[in-house]
Amino acid sequence: VTHDQTEAMTLGDRIVIMRDGYIQQIGTPQEVFNNPR
């Protein structure tokens, strides 16, 4: 768990982006960077 997106991008096989208790997007760092939902 982190609030630092640099940590998320460098460490995760996949990252789960959350907001207000909901999942916003799940994907590899490259997927969420290139194709934000």
Full PDB file with SEQRES, HELIX, SHEET, SSBOND, CRYST1, ORIGX, SCALE, CONECT and MASTER records, all heavy atoms in Angstrom:
SEQRES   1 A   37  VAL THR HIS ASP GLN THR GLU ALA MET THR LEU GLY ASP          
SEQRES   2 A   37  ARG ILE VAL ILE MET ARG ASP GLY TYR ILE GLN GLN ILE          
SEQRES   3 A   37  GLY THR PRO GLN GLU VAL PHE ASN ASN PRO ARG                  
HELIX    1 AA1 GLN A    5  LEU A   11  1                                   7    
HELIX    2 AA2 PRO A   29  ASN A   34  1                                   6    
SHEET    1 AA1 2 ILE A  15  ARG A  19  0                                        
SHEET    2 AA1 2 TYR A  22  GLY A  27 -1                                        
CRYST1    1.000    1.000    1.000  90.00  90.00  90.00 P 1           1          
ORIGX1      1.000000  0.000000  0.000000        0.00000                         
ORIGX2      0.000000  1.000000  0.000000        0.00000                         
ORIGX3      0.000000  0.000000  1.000000        0.00000                         
SCALE1      1.000000  0.000000  0.000000        0.00000                         
SCALE2      0.000000  1.000000  0.000000        0.00000                         
SCALE3      0.000000  0.000000  1.000000        0.00000                         
ATOM      1  N   VAL A   1       0.848  -1.198   0.000  1.00  0.00           N  
ATOM      2  CA  VAL A   1       0.000   0.000   0.000  1.00  0.00           C  
ATOM      3  C   VAL A   1       0.876   1.238   0.000  1.00  0.00           C  
ATOM      4  O   VAL A   1       1.854   1.329   0.755  1.00  0.00           O  
ATOM      5  CB  VAL A   1      -0.931   0.012   1.235  1.00  0.00           C  
ATOM      6  CG1 VAL A   1      -1.441   1.420   1.524  1.00  0.00           C  
ATOM      7  CG2 VAL A   1      -2.109  -0.925   1.026  1.00  0.00           C  
ATOM      8  N   THR A   2       0.533   2.206  -0.849  1.00  0.00           N  
ATOM      9  CA  THR A   2       1.262   3.473  -0.879  1.00  0.00           C  
ATOM     10  C   THR A   2       0.370   4.571  -1.446  1.00  0.00           C  
ATOM     11  O   THR A   2      -0.595   4.293  -2.156  1.00  0.00           O  
ATOM     12  CB  THR A   2       2.541   3.362  -1.730  1.00  0.00           C  
ATOM     13  OG1 THR A   2       3.244   4.607  -1.701  1.00  0.00           O  
ATOM     14  CG2 THR A   2       2.225   3.012  -3.175  1.00  0.00           C  
ATOM     15  N   HIS A   3       0.697   5.822  -1.108  1.00  0.00           N  
ATOM     16  CA  HIS A   3       0.041   6.957  -1.758  1.00  0.00           C  
ATOM     17  C   HIS A   3       0.952   7.556  -2.824  1.00  0.00           C  
ATOM     18  O   HIS A   3       0.570   8.465  -3.545  1.00  0.00           O  
ATOM     19  CB  HIS A   3      -0.316   8.043  -0.725  1.00  0.00           C  
ATOM     20  CG  HIS A   3       0.898   8.665  -0.087  1.00  0.00           C  
ATOM     21  ND1 HIS A   3       1.522   8.117   1.014  1.00  0.00           N  
ATOM     22  CD2 HIS A   3       1.624   9.757  -0.417  1.00  0.00           C  
ATOM     23  CE1 HIS A   3       2.571   8.861   1.338  1.00  0.00           C  
ATOM     24  NE2 HIS A   3       2.663   9.854   0.485  1.00  0.00           N  
ATOM     25  N   ASP A   4       2.170   7.004  -2.927  1.00  0.00           N  
ATOM     26  CA  ASP A   4       3.185   7.515  -3.849  1.00  0.00           C  
ATOM     27  C   ASP A   4       3.106   6.744  -5.167  1.00  0.00           C  
ATOM     28  O   ASP A   4       3.466   5.564  -5.225  1.00  0.00           O  
ATOM     29  CB  ASP A   4       4.558   7.340  -3.199  1.00  0.00           C  
ATOM     30  CG  ASP A   4       5.692   7.946  -4.030  1.00  0.00           C  
ATOM     31  OD1 ASP A   4       5.517   8.080  -5.259  1.00  0.00           O  
ATOM     32  OD2 ASP A   4       6.744   8.262  -3.454  1.00  0.00           O  
ATOM     33  N   GLN A   5       2.676   7.417  -6.222  1.00  0.00           N  
ATOM     34  CA  GLN A   5       2.505   6.715  -7.496  1.00  0.00           C  
ATOM     35  C   GLN A   5       3.836   6.291  -8.104  1.00  0.00           C  
ATOM     36  O   GLN A   5       3.888   5.339  -8.876  1.00  0.00           O  
ATOM     37  CB  GLN A   5       1.687   7.566  -8.478  1.00  0.00           C  
ATOM     38  CG  GLN A   5       2.208   8.958  -8.737  1.00  0.00           C  
ATOM     39  CD  GLN A   5       2.984   9.062 -10.021  1.00  0.00           C  
ATOM     40  OE1 GLN A   5       3.034   8.134 -10.805  1.00  0.00           O  
ATOM     41  NE2 GLN A   5       3.604  10.205 -10.247  1.00  0.00           N  
ATOM     42  N   THR A   6       4.944   6.929  -7.725  1.00  0.00           N  
ATOM     43  CA  THR A   6       6.255   6.483  -8.214  1.00  0.00           C  
ATOM     44  C   THR A   6       6.583   5.105  -7.657  1.00  0.00           C  
ATOM     45  O   THR A   6       7.076   4.224  -8.380  1.00  0.00           O  
ATOM     46  CB  THR A   6       7.363   7.490  -7.821  1.00  0.00           C  
ATOM     47  OG1 THR A   6       7.029   8.771  -8.354  1.00  0.00           O  
ATOM     48  CG2 THR A   6       8.711   7.043  -8.350  1.00  0.00           C  
ATOM     49  N   GLU A   7       6.297   4.895  -6.363  1.00  0.00           N  
ATOM     50  CA  GLU A   7       6.488   3.567  -5.770  1.00  0.00           C  
ATOM     51  C   GLU A   7       5.610   2.541  -6.477  1.00  0.00           C  
ATOM     52  O   GLU A   7       6.043   1.430  -6.781  1.00  0.00           O  
ATOM     53  CB  GLU A   7       6.127   3.594  -4.276  1.00  0.00           C  
ATOM     54  CG  GLU A   7       7.191   4.185  -3.392  1.00  0.00           C  
ATOM     55  CD  GLU A   7       6.788   4.169  -1.922  1.00  0.00           C  
ATOM     56  OE1 GLU A   7       6.058   3.252  -1.509  1.00  0.00           O  
ATOM     57  OE2 GLU A   7       7.181   5.091  -1.206  1.00  0.00           O  
ATOM     58  N   ALA A   8       4.366   2.920  -6.729  1.00  0.00           N  
ATOM     59  CA  ALA A   8       3.435   1.986  -7.375  1.00  0.00           C  
ATOM     60  C   ALA A   8       3.940   1.589  -8.754  1.00  0.00           C  
ATOM     61  O   ALA A   8       3.933   0.408  -9.124  1.00  0.00           O  
ATOM     62  CB  ALA A   8       2.049   2.627  -7.481  1.00  0.00           C  
ATOM     63  N   MET A   9       4.403   2.563  -9.525  1.00  0.00           N  
ATOM     64  CA  MET A   9       4.834   2.298 -10.899  1.00  0.00           C  
ATOM     65  C   MET A   9       6.104   1.454 -10.949  1.00  0.00           C  
ATOM     66  O   MET A   9       6.285   0.645 -11.858  1.00  0.00           O  
ATOM     67  CB  MET A   9       5.061   3.621 -11.633  1.00  0.00           C  
ATOM     68  CG  MET A   9       3.807   4.469 -11.815  1.00  0.00           C  
ATOM     69  SD  MET A   9       2.661   3.800 -13.015  1.00  0.00           S  
ATOM     70  CE  MET A   9       3.447   4.262 -14.550  1.00  0.00           C  
ATOM     71  N   THR A  10       6.997   1.645  -9.986  1.00  0.00           N  
ATOM     72  CA  THR A  10       8.282   0.936 -10.036  1.00  0.00           C  
ATOM     73  C   THR A  10       8.229  -0.443  -9.400  1.00  0.00           C  
ATOM     74  O   THR A  10       9.020  -1.317  -9.752  1.00  0.00           O  
ATOM     75  CB  THR A  10       9.389   1.761  -9.345  1.00  0.00           C  
ATOM     76  OG1 THR A  10       8.962   2.103  -8.019  1.00  0.00           O  
ATOM     77  CG2 THR A  10       9.685   3.029 -10.116  1.00  0.00           C  
ATOM     78  N   LEU A  11       7.300  -0.668  -8.448  1.00  0.00           N  
ATOM     79  CA  LEU A  11       7.288  -1.920  -7.701  1.00  0.00           C  
ATOM     80  C   LEU A  11       6.290  -2.947  -8.218  1.00  0.00           C  
ATOM     81  O   LEU A  11       6.557  -4.142  -8.202  1.00  0.00           O  
ATOM     82  CB  LEU A  11       6.982  -1.643  -6.219  1.00  0.00           C  
ATOM     83  CG  LEU A  11       8.048  -0.899  -5.419  1.00  0.00           C  
ATOM     84  CD1 LEU A  11       7.518  -0.583  -4.020  1.00  0.00           C  
ATOM     85  CD2 LEU A  11       9.319  -1.723  -5.312  1.00  0.00           C  
ATOM     86  N   GLY A  12       5.123  -2.504  -8.648  1.00  0.00           N  
ATOM     87  CA  GLY A  12       4.024  -3.431  -8.870  1.00  0.00           C  
ATOM     88  C   GLY A  12       4.041  -4.173 -10.195  1.00  0.00           C  
ATOM     89  O   GLY A  12       4.378  -3.603 -11.233  1.00  0.00           O  
ATOM     90  N   ASP A  13       3.672  -5.475 -10.143  1.00  0.00           N  
ATOM     91  CA  ASP A  13       3.335  -6.194 -11.377  1.00  0.00           C  
ATOM     92  C   ASP A  13       2.041  -5.611 -11.935  1.00  0.00           C  
ATOM     93  O   ASP A  13       1.899  -5.395 -13.132  1.00  0.00           O  
ATOM     94  CB  ASP A  13       3.133  -7.684 -11.096  1.00  0.00           C  
ATOM     95  CG  ASP A  13       4.409  -8.361 -10.629  1.00  0.00           C  
ATOM     96  OD1 ASP A  13       5.485  -7.943 -11.075  1.00  0.00           O  
ATOM     97  OD2 ASP A  13       4.318  -9.297  -9.827  1.00  0.00           O  
ATOM     98  N   ARG A  14       1.097  -5.399 -11.015  1.00  0.00           N  
ATOM     99  CA  ARG A  14      -0.139  -4.685 -11.342  1.00  0.00           C  
ATOM    100  C   ARG A  14      -0.392  -3.667 -10.237  1.00  0.00           C  
ATOM    101  O   ARG A  14       0.001  -3.874  -9.087  1.00  0.00           O  
ATOM    102  CB  ARG A  14      -1.334  -5.644 -11.426  1.00  0.00           C  
ATOM    103  CG  ARG A  14      -1.368  -6.511 -12.671  1.00  0.00           C  
ATOM    104  CD  ARG A  14      -2.688  -7.269 -12.750  1.00  0.00           C  
ATOM    105  NE  ARG A  14      -2.885  -8.165 -11.617  1.00  0.00           N  
ATOM    106  CZ  ARG A  14      -4.072  -8.594 -11.212  1.00  0.00           C  
ATOM    107  NH1 ARG A  14      -5.183  -8.181 -11.806  1.00  0.00           N  
ATOM    108  NH2 ARG A  14      -4.166  -9.429 -10.178  1.00  0.00           N  
ATOM    109  N   ILE A  15      -1.054  -2.587 -10.580  1.00  0.00           N  
ATOM    110  CA  ILE A  15      -1.418  -1.605  -9.571  1.00  0.00           C  
ATOM    111  C   ILE A  15      -2.932  -1.432  -9.552  1.00  0.00           C  
ATOM    112  O   ILE A  15      -3.601  -1.537 -10.592  1.00  0.00           O  
ATOM    113  CB  ILE A  15      -0.692  -0.258  -9.764  1.00  0.00           C  
ATOM    114  CG1 ILE A  15      -1.019   0.370 -11.118  1.00  0.00           C  
ATOM    115  CG2 ILE A  15       0.790  -0.417  -9.633  1.00  0.00           C  
ATOM    116  CD1 ILE A  15      -0.323   1.714 -11.323  1.00  0.00           C  
ATOM    117  N   VAL A  16      -3.454  -1.220  -8.356  1.00  0.00           N  
ATOM    118  CA  VAL A  16      -4.889  -1.015  -8.140  1.00  0.00           C  
ATOM    119  C   VAL A  16      -5.057   0.422  -7.674  1.00  0.00           C  
ATOM    120  O   VAL A  16      -4.624   0.774  -6.572  1.00  0.00           O  
ATOM    121  CB  VAL A  16      -5.435  -1.985  -7.082  1.00  0.00           C  
ATOM    122  CG1 VAL A  16      -6.932  -1.767  -6.873  1.00  0.00           C  
ATOM    123  CG2 VAL A  16      -5.152  -3.431  -7.478  1.00  0.00           C  
ATOM    124  N   ILE A  17      -5.672   1.252  -8.507  1.00  0.00           N  
ATOM    125  CA  ILE A  17      -5.838   2.664  -8.171  1.00  0.00           C  
ATOM    126  C   ILE A  17      -7.203   2.848  -7.521  1.00  0.00           C  
ATOM    127  O   ILE A  17      -8.228   2.449  -8.089  1.00  0.00           O  
ATOM    128  CB  ILE A  17      -5.715   3.542  -9.429  1.00  0.00           C  
ATOM    129  CG1 ILE A  17      -4.361   3.313 -10.086  1.00  0.00           C  
ATOM    130  CG2 ILE A  17      -5.876   5.016  -9.075  1.00  0.00           C  
ATOM    131  CD1 ILE A  17      -4.258   3.803 -11.488  1.00  0.00           C  
ATOM    132  N   MET A  18      -7.206   3.435  -6.310  1.00  0.00           N  
ATOM    133  CA  MET A  18      -8.431   3.580  -5.536  1.00  0.00           C  
ATOM    134  C   MET A  18      -8.780   5.046  -5.314  1.00  0.00           C  
ATOM    135  O   MET A  18      -7.899   5.909  -5.266  1.00  0.00           O  
ATOM    136  CB  MET A  18      -8.295   2.873  -4.184  1.00  0.00           C  
ATOM    137  CG  MET A  18      -8.111   1.373  -4.270  1.00  0.00           C  
ATOM    138  SD  MET A  18      -8.051   0.599  -2.639  1.00  0.00           S  
ATOM    139  CE  MET A  18      -9.727   0.887  -2.047  1.00  0.00           C  
ATOM    140  N   ARG A  19     -10.080   5.280  -5.168  1.00  0.00           N  
ATOM    141  CA  ARG A  19     -10.574   6.618  -4.840  1.00  0.00           C  
ATOM    142  C   ARG A  19     -11.921   6.477  -4.134  1.00  0.00           C  
ATOM    143  O   ARG A  19     -12.804   5.778  -4.636  1.00  0.00           O  
ATOM    144  CB  ARG A  19     -10.733   7.453  -6.104  1.00  0.00           C  
ATOM    145  CG  ARG A  19     -11.231   8.878  -5.856  1.00  0.00           C  
ATOM    146  CD  ARG A  19     -11.610   9.528  -7.169  1.00  0.00           C  
ATOM    147  NE  ARG A  19     -11.876  10.938  -7.038  1.00  0.00           N  
ATOM    148  CZ  ARG A  19     -12.426  11.691  -7.991  1.00  0.00           C  
ATOM    149  NH1 ARG A  19     -12.771  11.137  -9.155  1.00  0.00           N  
ATOM    150  NH2 ARG A  19     -12.636  12.972  -7.801  1.00  0.00           N  
ATOM    151  N   ASP A  20     -12.047   7.098  -2.977  1.00  0.00           N  
ATOM    152  CA  ASP A  20     -13.312   7.111  -2.230  1.00  0.00           C  
ATOM    153  C   ASP A  20     -13.866   5.714  -1.992  1.00  0.00           C  
ATOM    154  O   ASP A  20     -15.078   5.492  -2.048  1.00  0.00           O  
ATOM    155  CB  ASP A  20     -14.362   7.955  -2.968  1.00  0.00           C  
ATOM    156  CG  ASP A  20     -13.907   9.387  -3.183  1.00  0.00           C  
ATOM    157  OD1 ASP A  20     -12.970   9.818  -2.493  1.00  0.00           O  
ATOM    158  OD2 ASP A  20     -14.482  10.065  -4.046  1.00  0.00           O  
ATOM    159  N   GLY A  21     -12.988   4.749  -1.743  1.00  0.00           N  
ATOM    160  CA  GLY A  21     -13.425   3.395  -1.436  1.00  0.00           C  
ATOM    161  C   GLY A  21     -13.681   2.511  -2.632  1.00  0.00           C  
ATOM    162  O   GLY A  21     -13.941   1.316  -2.478  1.00  0.00           O  
ATOM    163  N   TYR A  22     -13.601   3.058  -3.841  1.00  0.00           N  
ATOM    164  CA  TYR A  22     -13.848   2.295  -5.066  1.00  0.00           C  
ATOM    165  C   TYR A  22     -12.557   2.067  -5.832  1.00  0.00           C  
ATOM    166  O   TYR A  22     -11.668   2.919  -5.845  1.00  0.00           O  
ATOM    167  CB  TYR A  22     -14.816   3.042  -5.993  1.00  0.00           C  
ATOM    168  CG  TYR A  22     -16.258   3.025  -5.575  1.00  0.00           C  
ATOM    169  CD1 TYR A  22     -16.823   4.114  -4.905  1.00  0.00           C  
ATOM    170  CD2 TYR A  22     -17.074   1.936  -5.863  1.00  0.00           C  
ATOM    171  CE1 TYR A  22     -18.149   4.119  -4.529  1.00  0.00           C  
ATOM    172  CE2 TYR A  22     -18.415   1.931  -5.495  1.00  0.00           C  
ATOM    173  CZ  TYR A  22     -18.943   3.019  -4.827  1.00  0.00           C  
ATOM    174  OH  TYR A  22     -20.268   3.009  -4.461  1.00  0.00           O  
ATOM    175  N   ILE A  23     -12.471   0.933  -6.512  1.00  0.00           N  
ATOM    176  CA  ILE A  23     -11.387   0.693  -7.459  1.00  0.00           C  
ATOM    177  C   ILE A  23     -11.673   1.498  -8.725  1.00  0.00           C  
ATOM    178  O   ILE A  23     -12.753   1.405  -9.307  1.00  0.00           O  
ATOM    179  CB  ILE A  23     -11.272  -0.806  -7.802  1.00  0.00           C  
ATOM    180  CG1 ILE A  23     -10.814  -1.607  -6.585  1.00  0.00           C  
ATOM    181  CG2 ILE A  23     -10.286  -1.010  -8.953  1.00  0.00           C  
ATOM    182  CD1 ILE A  23     -10.776  -3.103  -6.822  1.00  0.00           C  
ATOM    183  N   GLN A  24     -10.692   2.286  -9.159  1.00  0.00           N  
ATOM    184  CA  GLN A  24     -10.824   3.071 -10.384  1.00  0.00           C  
ATOM    185  C   GLN A  24     -10.275   2.337 -11.597  1.00  0.00           C  
ATOM    186  O   GLN A  24     -10.840   2.408 -12.689  1.00  0.00           O  
ATOM    187  CB  GLN A  24     -10.098   4.411 -10.230  1.00  0.00           C  
ATOM    188  CG  GLN A  24     -10.595   5.265  -9.095  1.00  0.00           C  
ATOM    189  CD  GLN A  24     -12.018   5.751  -9.317  1.00  0.00           C  
ATOM    190  OE1 GLN A  24     -12.332   6.357 -10.338  1.00  0.00           O  
ATOM    191  NE2 GLN A  24     -12.892   5.471  -8.365  1.00  0.00           N  
ATOM    192  N   GLN A  25      -9.170   1.620 -11.409  1.00  0.00           N  
ATOM    193  CA  GLN A  25      -8.568   0.872 -12.515  1.00  0.00           C  
ATOM    194  C   GLN A  25      -7.554  -0.119 -11.959  1.00  0.00           C  
ATOM    195  O   GLN A  25      -6.890   0.146 -10.961  1.00  0.00           O  
ATOM    196  CB  GLN A  25      -7.878   1.817 -13.506  1.00  0.00           C  
ATOM    197  CG  GLN A  25      -7.362   1.128 -14.772  1.00  0.00           C  
ATOM    198  CD  GLN A  25      -6.882   2.120 -15.832  1.00  0.00           C  
ATOM    199  OE1 GLN A  25      -7.119   3.320 -15.724  1.00  0.00           O  
ATOM    200  NE2 GLN A  25      -6.218   1.622 -16.849  1.00  0.00           N  
ATOM    201  N   ILE A  26      -7.473  -1.263 -12.613  1.00  0.00           N  
ATOM    202  CA  ILE A  26      -6.464  -2.279 -12.287  1.00  0.00           C  
ATOM    203  C   ILE A  26      -5.688  -2.586 -13.561  1.00  0.00           C  
ATOM    204  O   ILE A  26      -6.280  -2.797 -14.623  1.00  0.00           O  
ATOM    205  CB  ILE A  26      -7.111  -3.578 -11.770  1.00  0.00           C  
ATOM    206  CG1 ILE A  26      -7.969  -3.311 -10.536  1.00  0.00           C  
ATOM    207  CG2 ILE A  26      -6.041  -4.625 -11.449  1.00  0.00           C  
ATOM    208  CD1 ILE A  26      -8.784  -4.516 -10.087  1.00  0.00           C  
ATOM    209  N   GLY A  27      -4.382  -2.601 -13.486  1.00  0.00           N  
ATOM    210  CA  GLY A  27      -3.590  -2.936 -14.667  1.00  0.00           C  
ATOM    211  C   GLY A  27      -2.113  -2.857 -14.372  1.00  0.00           C  
ATOM    212  O   GLY A  27      -1.689  -2.498 -13.269  1.00  0.00           O  
ATOM    213  N   THR A  28      -1.298  -3.205 -15.359  1.00  0.00           N  
ATOM    214  CA  THR A  28       0.147  -3.053 -15.211  1.00  0.00           C  
ATOM    215  C   THR A  28       0.465  -1.560 -15.188  1.00  0.00           C  
ATOM    216  O   THR A  28      -0.337  -0.728 -15.648  1.00  0.00           O  
ATOM    217  CB  THR A  28       0.894  -3.703 -16.380  1.00  0.00           C  
ATOM    218  OG1 THR A  28       0.579  -2.982 -17.591  1.00  0.00           O  
ATOM    219  CG2 THR A  28       0.505  -5.163 -16.543  1.00  0.00           C  
ATOM    220  N   PRO A  29       1.618  -1.175 -14.643  1.00  0.00           N  
ATOM    221  CA  PRO A  29       1.987   0.242 -14.641  1.00  0.00           C  
ATOM    222  C   PRO A  29       1.904   0.873 -16.036  1.00  0.00           C  
ATOM    223  O   PRO A  29       1.422   1.996 -16.191  1.00  0.00           O  
ATOM    224  CB  PRO A  29       3.420   0.236 -14.111  1.00  0.00           C  
ATOM    225  CG  PRO A  29       3.467  -0.962 -13.218  1.00  0.00           C  
ATOM    226  CD  PRO A  29       2.605  -1.993 -13.894  1.00  0.00           C  
ATOM    227  N   GLN A  30       2.361   0.143 -17.051  1.00  0.00           N  
ATOM    228  CA  GLN A  30       2.335   0.697 -18.402  1.00  0.00           C  
ATOM    229  C   GLN A  30       0.917   0.854 -18.918  1.00  0.00           C  
ATOM    230  O   GLN A  30       0.591   1.840 -19.599  1.00  0.00           O  
ATOM    231  CB  GLN A  30       3.135  -0.205 -19.348  1.00  0.00           C  
ATOM    232  CG  GLN A  30       3.673   0.514 -20.580  1.00  0.00           C  
ATOM    233  CD  GLN A  30       4.644   1.632 -20.251  1.00  0.00           C  
ATOM    234  OE1 GLN A  30       5.581   1.442 -19.492  1.00  0.00           O  
ATOM    235  NE2 GLN A  30       4.400   2.813 -20.796  1.00  0.00           N  
ATOM    236  N   GLU A  31       0.039  -0.092 -18.582  1.00  0.00           N  
ATOM    237  CA  GLU A  31      -1.361  -0.013 -19.024  1.00  0.00           C  
ATOM    238  C   GLU A  31      -2.066   1.209 -18.460  1.00  0.00           C  
ATOM    239  O   GLU A  31      -2.747   1.931 -19.188  1.00  0.00           O  
ATOM    240  CB  GLU A  31      -2.117  -1.284 -18.614  1.00  0.00           C  
ATOM    241  CG  GLU A  31      -1.801  -2.499 -19.469  1.00  0.00           C  
ATOM    242  CD  GLU A  31      -2.393  -3.779 -18.905  1.00  0.00           C  
ATOM    243  OE1 GLU A  31      -2.928  -3.756 -17.773  1.00  0.00           O  
ATOM    244  OE2 GLU A  31      -2.308  -4.806 -19.603  1.00  0.00           O  
ATOM    245  N   VAL A  32      -1.907   1.443 -17.166  1.00  0.00           N  
ATOM    246  CA  VAL A  32      -2.625   2.576 -16.572  1.00  0.00           C  
ATOM    247  C   VAL A  32      -2.000   3.908 -16.989  1.00  0.00           C  
ATOM    248  O   VAL A  32      -2.682   4.933 -17.035  1.00  0.00           O  
ATOM    249  CB  VAL A  32      -2.699   2.466 -15.038  1.00  0.00           C  
ATOM    250  CG1 VAL A  32      -3.490   1.244 -14.626  1.00  0.00           C  
ATOM    251  CG2 VAL A  32      -1.322   2.448 -14.406  1.00  0.00           C  
ATOM    252  N   PHE A  33      -0.707   3.890 -17.306  1.00  0.00           N  
ATOM    253  CA  PHE A  33      -0.062   5.117 -17.783  1.00  0.00           C  
ATOM    254  C   PHE A  33      -0.506   5.443 -19.204  1.00  0.00           C  
ATOM    255  O   PHE A  33      -0.834   6.584 -19.517  1.00  0.00           O  
ATOM    256  CB  PHE A  33       1.459   4.960 -17.728  1.00  0.00           C  
ATOM    257  CG  PHE A  33       2.221   6.197 -18.133  1.00  0.00           C  
ATOM    258  CD1 PHE A  33       2.459   7.200 -17.215  1.00  0.00           C  
ATOM    259  CD2 PHE A  33       2.699   6.362 -19.429  1.00  0.00           C  
ATOM    260  CE1 PHE A  33       3.157   8.353 -17.572  1.00  0.00           C  
ATOM    261  CE2 PHE A  33       3.390   7.496 -19.801  1.00  0.00           C  
ATOM    262  CZ  PHE A  33       3.629   8.498 -18.868  1.00  0.00           C  
ATOM    263  N   ASN A  34      -0.531   4.422 -20.063  1.00  0.00           N  
ATOM    264  CA  ASN A  34      -0.870   4.646 -21.472  1.00  0.00           C  
ATOM    265  C   ASN A  34      -2.366   4.752 -21.721  1.00  0.00           C  
ATOM    266  O   ASN A  34      -2.796   5.465 -22.635  1.00  0.00           O  
ATOM    267  CB  ASN A  34      -0.317   3.512 -22.334  1.00  0.00           C  
ATOM    268  CG  ASN A  34       1.192   3.526 -22.423  1.00  0.00           C  
ATOM    269  OD1 ASN A  34       1.826   4.565 -22.218  1.00  0.00           O  
ATOM    270  ND2 ASN A  34       1.794   2.386 -22.712  1.00  0.00           N  
ATOM    271  N   ASN A  35      -3.168   4.028 -20.931  1.00  0.00           N  
ATOM    272  CA  ASN A  35      -4.611   3.979 -21.181  1.00  0.00           C  
ATOM    273  C   ASN A  35      -5.410   4.208 -19.901  1.00  0.00           C  
ATOM    274  O   ASN A  35      -6.107   3.317 -19.415  1.00  0.00           O  
ATOM    275  CB  ASN A  35      -4.992   2.610 -21.779  1.00  0.00           C  
ATOM    276  CG  ASN A  35      -4.257   2.326 -23.078  1.00  0.00           C  
ATOM    277  OD1 ASN A  35      -4.302   3.112 -24.015  1.00  0.00           O  
ATOM    278  ND2 ASN A  35      -3.565   1.194 -23.129  1.00  0.00           N  
ATOM    279  N   PRO A  36      -5.334   5.417 -19.314  1.00  0.00           N  
ATOM    280  CA  PRO A  36      -6.125   5.703 -18.107  1.00  0.00           C  
ATOM    281  C   PRO A  36      -7.612   5.630 -18.421  1.00  0.00           C  
ATOM    282  O   PRO A  36      -8.066   6.175 -19.418  1.00  0.00           O  
ATOM    283  CB  PRO A  36      -5.697   7.122 -17.736  1.00  0.00           C  
ATOM    284  CG  PRO A  36      -5.215   7.727 -19.018  1.00  0.00           C  
ATOM    285  CD  PRO A  36      -4.602   6.602 -19.793  1.00  0.00           C  
ATOM    286  N   ARG A  37      -8.374   4.945 -17.548  1.00  0.00           N  
ATOM    287  CA  ARG A  37      -9.795   4.733 -17.821  1.00  0.00           C  
ATOM    288  C   ARG A  37     -10.662   5.940 -17.485  1.00  0.00           C  
ATOM    289  O   ARG A  37     -11.806   6.014 -17.931  1.00  0.00           O  
ATOM    290  CB  ARG A  37     -10.300   3.499 -17.054  1.00  0.00           C  
ATOM    291  CG  ARG A  37      -9.642   2.198 -17.521  1.00  0.00           C  
ATOM    292  CD  ARG A  37      -9.852   1.984 -19.004  1.00  0.00           C  
ATOM    293  NE  ARG A  37      -9.081   0.867 -19.527  1.00  0.00           N  
ATOM    294  CZ  ARG A  37      -9.570  -0.347 -19.705  1.00  0.00           C  
ATOM    295  NH1 ARG A  37     -10.815  -0.614 -19.377  1.00  0.00           N  
ATOM    296  NH2 ARG A  37      -8.823  -1.304 -20.212  1.00  0.00           N  
TER     297      ARG A  37                                                      
MASTER        0    0    0    2    2    0    0    6  296    1    0    3          
END                                                                             
